[in-house]
Protein backbone atom coordinates (compact mmCIF):
# COMPACT_ATOMS: atom_id res chain seq x y z
CA UNK A 1 -8.32 19.73 3.83
CA UNK A 2 -8.00 23.48 3.88
CA UNK A 3 -6.45 25.34 0.91
CA UNK A 4 -3.70 26.82 3.10
CA UNK A 5 -2.58 23.44 4.48
CA UNK A 6 1.18 22.98 4.49
CA UNK A 7 2.97 19.71 3.88
CA UNK A 8 3.95 17.53 5.53
CA UNK A 9 0.37 17.17 6.76
CA UNK A 10 -0.12 15.25 10.02
CA UNK A 11 -3.24 13.58 11.37
CA UNK A 12 -3.38 12.46 15.00
CA UNK A 13 -4.70 9.12 13.83
CA UNK A 14 -5.77 7.42 10.62
CA UNK A 15 -7.96 4.30 10.76
CA UNK A 16 -7.87 1.33 8.42
CA UNK A 17 -10.59 -1.31 8.39
CA UNK A 18 -10.40 -4.79 6.90
CA UNK A 19 -12.56 -7.86 6.56
CA UNK A 20 -10.35 -10.94 6.43
CA UNK A 21 -11.56 -14.35 5.33
CA UNK A 22 -10.06 -17.56 6.67
CA UNK A 23 -9.67 -20.16 3.92
CA UNK A 24 -7.50 -22.69 5.73
CA UNK A 25 -8.37 -25.56 8.02
CA UNK A 26 -5.96 -24.57 10.79
CA UNK A 27 -6.02 -21.77 13.34
CA UNK A 28 -3.19 -19.26 12.94
CA UNK A 29 -2.16 -15.82 14.16
CA UNK A 30 -1.04 -13.73 11.18
CA UNK A 31 1.40 -10.86 11.77
CA UNK A 32 0.23 -8.36 9.20
CA UNK A 33 2.03 -5.14 8.36
CA UNK A 34 0.77 -2.07 6.57
CA UNK A 35 3.16 -0.62 4.02
CA UNK A 36 2.39 2.97 3.03
CA UNK A 37 3.64 4.28 -0.30
CA UNK A 38 3.18 7.56 -2.17
CA UNK A 39 2.76 7.51 -5.95
CA UNK A 40 5.27 10.15 -7.02
CA UNK A 41 4.73 9.53 -10.72
CA UNK A 42 2.92 6.95 -12.81
CA UNK A 43 5.40 4.15 -12.09
CA UNK A 44 7.44 5.60 -9.23
CA UNK A 45 6.61 4.74 -5.64
CA UNK A 46 8.13 6.32 -2.54
CA UNK A 47 7.85 4.34 0.69
CA UNK A 48 6.41 6.49 3.47
CA UNK A 49 6.59 3.81 6.14
CA UNK A 50 5.76 0.37 7.46
CA UNK A 51 3.44 -0.11 10.41
CA UNK A 52 3.27 -3.33 12.39
CA UNK A 53 -0.29 -3.98 13.53
CA UNK A 54 -1.77 -6.37 16.04
CA UNK A 55 -1.90 -10.01 14.89
CA UNK A 56 -5.13 -11.40 13.48
CA UNK A 57 -6.36 -14.83 14.53
CA UNK A 58 -7.70 -16.81 11.57
CA UNK A 59 -9.74 -19.90 12.33
CA UNK A 60 -12.15 -22.20 10.52
CA UNK A 61 -14.53 -21.61 13.45
CA UNK A 62 -14.73 -17.89 12.57
CA UNK A 63 -14.35 -17.72 8.80
CA UNK A 64 -14.73 -13.91 8.69
CA UNK A 65 -12.78 -11.53 10.93
CA UNK A 66 -13.32 -7.77 10.99
CA UNK A 67 -10.40 -5.67 12.19
CA UNK A 68 -9.64 -1.99 12.70
CA UNK A 69 -6.16 -0.54 13.08
CA UNK A 70 -5.20 3.02 14.01
CA UNK A 71 -2.01 4.53 12.62
CA UNK A 72 -0.82 7.14 15.12
CA UNK A 73 0.28 9.64 13.96
CA UNK A 74 -0.17 9.53 10.18
CA UNK A 75 2.06 11.94 8.30
CA UNK A 76 1.42 12.67 4.63
CA UNK A 77 4.66 14.24 3.29
CA UNK A 78 3.18 15.41 -0.04
CA UNK A 79 -0.19 15.89 -1.69
CA UNK A 80 -1.18 13.11 -4.06
CA UNK A 81 -2.09 9.44 -4.17
CA UNK A 82 -1.18 7.15 -1.26
CA UNK A 83 -1.44 3.37 -1.25
CA UNK A 84 -1.95 1.36 1.93
CA UNK A 85 -0.78 -2.22 1.36
CA UNK A 86 -1.82 -4.98 3.77
CA UNK A 87 1.11 -7.40 3.81
CA UNK A 88 1.66 -10.80 5.36
CA UNK A 89 4.92 -12.72 5.77
CA UNK A 90 5.68 -15.32 3.15
CA UNK A 91 6.25 -18.89 4.18
CA UNK A 92 9.27 -19.39 1.94
CA UNK A 93 12.96 -18.57 2.02
CA UNK A 94 12.57 -15.04 0.59
CA UNK A 95 11.36 -13.43 3.85
CA UNK A 96 9.55 -10.84 1.75
CA UNK A 97 6.06 -9.65 2.51
CA UNK A 98 3.16 -10.62 0.26
CA UNK A 99 0.59 -7.92 -0.49
CA UNK A 100 -2.88 -9.32 0.20
CA UNK A 101 -4.92 -6.11 -0.12
CA UNK A 102 -4.53 -2.48 -1.24
CA UNK A 103 -6.46 0.69 -0.61
CA UNK A 104 -5.82 4.11 -2.13
CA UNK A 105 -6.34 7.54 -0.61
CA UNK A 106 -5.86 10.87 -2.40
CA UNK A 107 -4.70 13.79 -0.25
CA UNK A 108 -5.14 17.22 -1.84
CA UNK A 109 -5.44 20.80 -0.75
CA UNK A 110 -8.99 22.13 -0.65
CA UNK A 111 -10.26 24.77 -3.03
CA UNK A 112 -11.11 28.27 -1.95
């Protein structure tokens, strides 16, 4: 990005790609979410947002599924390291989301 870029920095869209492997014997539609966090400090995370994405059908007939999701718009409030966490619902009483994949992106101002 340009050196004079101001934050928050907004992109019209930001694409995430995933290859998901089906390991079960049943067909299921999984309601994934993408949790976006900013690494403020070494052990301090700040949640930027949660994005619900289209469900993914997992089936033993198609053991590998490729998906692409667009986040529109994507706002980066600060420069630094962002983590995109692919989460799925747990099947227990906790109702929390289980992180099944992570990807990191560093957003910095360009140099002159």
